[in-house]
Amino acid sequence: MFSILNNQKGITLIELLSSLVILSIVLIGFFSVFTQSASMQNTNEEEMIATNLARVALEDVRDLNTDLLDLGTYTQFNQTSHPHITSVNSSGQFHKHPSFQLQLELSEEPDTSLWLAKILINKDGETLADTYTYIEVDEE
């Protein structure tokens, strides 16, 4: 009779619960990695869009007529005494991506006939991309 009780096959409730706990810990680790990677993908996608918008704005800035501009920081465009940037509306929002805004800073480079044009691409008050170029200014 004792040999029948000691010879049982199968798993106990404690073994089942402990294996479920171990499995749950492993799965939670995997799920946290997936959610973090999805979040990083969204961040990288926004930075990539901002970088491409900076390139578009850079081309527009290179075509600016500096005779009509003053040095300073611009967040308004396509109006009198403001830069004419075709890729943005008057408030600096890009036509194709209205959640991104352009900020343009024009400053004079010392001892040269160049202006430094710094281009910042912002979203929700945070700068996601920036670049710069030099603009040759006709000396008067």
Protein backbone atom coordinates (compact mmCIF):
# COMPACT_ATOMS: atom_id res chain seq x y z
CA MET A 1 0.00 0.00 0.00
CA PHE A 2 2.84 2.41 0.76
CA SER A 3 4.46 1.72 -2.58
CA ILE A 4 1.32 2.87 -4.39
CA LEU A 5 1.31 6.27 -2.61
CA ASN A 6 5.01 6.91 -3.24
CA ASN A 7 4.73 6.04 -6.91
CA GLN A 8 2.25 8.78 -7.95
CA LYS A 9 2.92 10.57 -11.23
CA GLY A 10 1.97 14.20 -11.97
CA ILE A 11 2.66 17.61 -10.45
CA THR A 12 1.55 19.11 -7.18
CA LEU A 13 -0.25 22.39 -6.73
CA ILE A 14 2.90 24.04 -5.32
CA GLU A 15 4.94 23.02 -8.37
CA LEU A 16 2.25 24.37 -10.67
CA LEU A 17 2.05 27.71 -8.84
CA SER A 18 5.82 28.13 -8.69
CA SER A 19 6.15 27.45 -12.44
CA LEU A 20 3.39 30.01 -13.13
CA VAL A 21 5.22 32.62 -11.01
CA ILE A 22 8.48 32.01 -12.89
CA LEU A 23 6.70 32.18 -16.24
CA SER A 24 4.97 35.42 -15.23
CA ILE A 25 8.28 37.05 -14.24
CA VAL A 26 9.82 36.13 -17.60
CA LEU A 27 6.80 37.39 -19.58
CA ILE A 28 6.66 40.69 -17.67
CA GLY A 29 10.31 41.26 -18.61
CA PHE A 30 9.55 40.68 -22.28
CA PHE A 31 6.48 42.92 -22.27
CA SER A 32 8.39 45.80 -20.67
CA VAL A 33 11.03 45.54 -23.41
CA PHE A 34 8.34 45.70 -26.11
CA THR A 35 6.64 48.78 -24.64
CA GLN A 36 9.98 50.54 -24.20
CA SER A 37 11.00 49.80 -27.79
CA ALA A 38 7.66 51.15 -29.06
CA SER A 39 8.22 54.35 -27.10
CA MET A 40 11.75 54.72 -28.48
CA GLN A 41 10.45 54.17 -32.01
CA ASN A 42 8.00 57.08 -31.61
CA THR A 43 10.78 59.32 -30.28
CA ASN A 44 13.12 58.38 -33.12
CA GLU A 45 10.39 58.93 -35.70
CA GLU A 46 9.72 62.47 -34.41
CA GLU A 47 13.44 63.28 -34.44
CA MET A 48 13.75 61.95 -38.00
CA ILE A 49 10.79 64.08 -39.15
CA ALA A 50 12.30 67.13 -37.41
CA THR A 51 15.68 66.54 -39.07
CA ASN A 52 14.06 66.30 -42.51
CA LEU A 53 12.05 69.46 -41.84
CA ALA A 54 15.28 71.22 -40.86
CA ARG A 55 16.74 70.27 -44.24
CA VAL A 56 13.68 71.66 -46.02
CA ALA A 57 13.88 74.90 -44.04
CA LEU A 58 17.61 75.09 -44.73
CA GLU A 59 16.94 75.17 -48.47
CA ASP A 60 14.37 77.95 -47.98
CA VAL A 61 16.79 79.96 -45.81
CA ARG A 62 19.52 79.74 -48.45
CA ASP A 63 17.12 81.47 -50.87
CA LEU A 64 16.33 84.39 -48.53
CA ASN A 65 16.69 87.96 -49.68
CA THR A 66 18.78 89.48 -46.89
CA ASP A 67 18.10 93.06 -48.06
CA LEU A 68 14.63 92.77 -46.53
CA LEU A 69 15.71 91.23 -43.21
CA ASP A 70 17.20 92.28 -39.92
CA LEU A 71 19.25 90.22 -37.52
CA GLY A 72 17.30 88.54 -34.74
CA THR A 73 15.09 85.59 -33.88
CA TYR A 74 12.05 84.83 -35.99
CA THR A 75 9.05 82.65 -35.18
CA GLN A 76 6.65 84.47 -37.56
CA PHE A 77 7.16 84.16 -41.31
CA ASN A 78 5.79 85.17 -44.71
CA GLN A 79 4.76 88.65 -43.55
CA THR A 80 6.19 92.12 -44.09
CA SER A 81 9.69 92.43 -42.56
CA HIS A 82 9.73 88.70 -41.77
CA PRO A 83 11.55 85.97 -43.70
CA HIS A 84 9.68 84.31 -46.54
CA ILE A 85 9.88 80.56 -45.91
CA THR A 86 7.68 78.61 -48.31
CA SER A 87 7.53 75.40 -46.25
CA VAL A 88 5.82 77.05 -43.23
CA ASN A 89 2.73 79.15 -42.62
CA SER A 90 2.80 82.61 -41.02
CA SER A 91 3.04 81.20 -37.47
CA GLY A 92 5.99 78.96 -38.34
CA GLN A 93 4.10 75.67 -38.52
CA PHE A 94 5.16 73.37 -41.32
CA HIS A 95 2.49 72.72 -43.94
CA LYS A 96 3.04 68.95 -44.02
CA HIS A 97 3.58 68.54 -40.25
CA PRO A 98 1.70 71.29 -38.38
CA SER A 99 2.78 70.03 -34.95
CA PHE A 100 6.37 71.09 -35.75
CA GLN A 101 7.42 74.75 -35.61
CA LEU A 102 10.33 76.60 -37.16
CA GLN A 103 12.49 79.09 -35.30
CA LEU A 104 15.12 81.03 -37.22
CA GLU A 105 17.97 82.94 -35.57
CA LEU A 106 20.02 85.30 -37.70
CA SER A 107 23.26 86.69 -36.29
CA GLU A 108 26.26 88.46 -37.75
CA GLU A 109 29.60 86.74 -37.99
CA PRO A 110 32.39 89.09 -36.89
CA ASP A 111 34.91 90.35 -39.45
CA THR A 112 33.06 88.77 -42.38
CA SER A 113 30.23 89.56 -44.74
CA LEU A 114 28.35 86.49 -43.52
CA TRP A 115 25.28 85.94 -41.39
CA LEU A 116 24.85 82.80 -39.33
CA ALA A 117 21.37 81.36 -39.82
CA LYS A 118 20.51 78.87 -37.09
CA ILE A 119 17.43 76.75 -37.76
CA LEU A 120 15.60 75.13 -34.84
CA ILE A 121 12.71 72.68 -35.22
CA ASN A 122 10.47 72.60 -32.14
CA LYS A 123 7.57 70.44 -31.06
CA ASP A 124 5.64 71.18 -27.88
CA GLY A 125 8.32 73.66 -26.81
CA GLU A 126 11.15 71.13 -27.14
CA THR A 127 13.86 71.46 -29.78
CA LEU A 128 14.09 68.19 -31.70
CA ALA A 129 16.53 69.22 -34.43
CA ASP A 130 18.77 72.12 -35.28
CA THR A 131 21.18 73.03 -38.02
CA TYR A 132 22.83 76.13 -39.39
CA THR A 133 24.10 77.72 -42.55
CA TYR A 134 25.91 80.88 -43.53
CA ILE A 135 24.35 83.50 -45.76
CA GLU A 136 26.52 85.90 -47.71
CA VAL A 137 25.36 89.47 -47.27
CA ASP A 138 26.10 92.21 -49.75
CA GLU A 139 28.14 94.90 -48.03
CA GLU A 140 26.84 98.39 -48.61
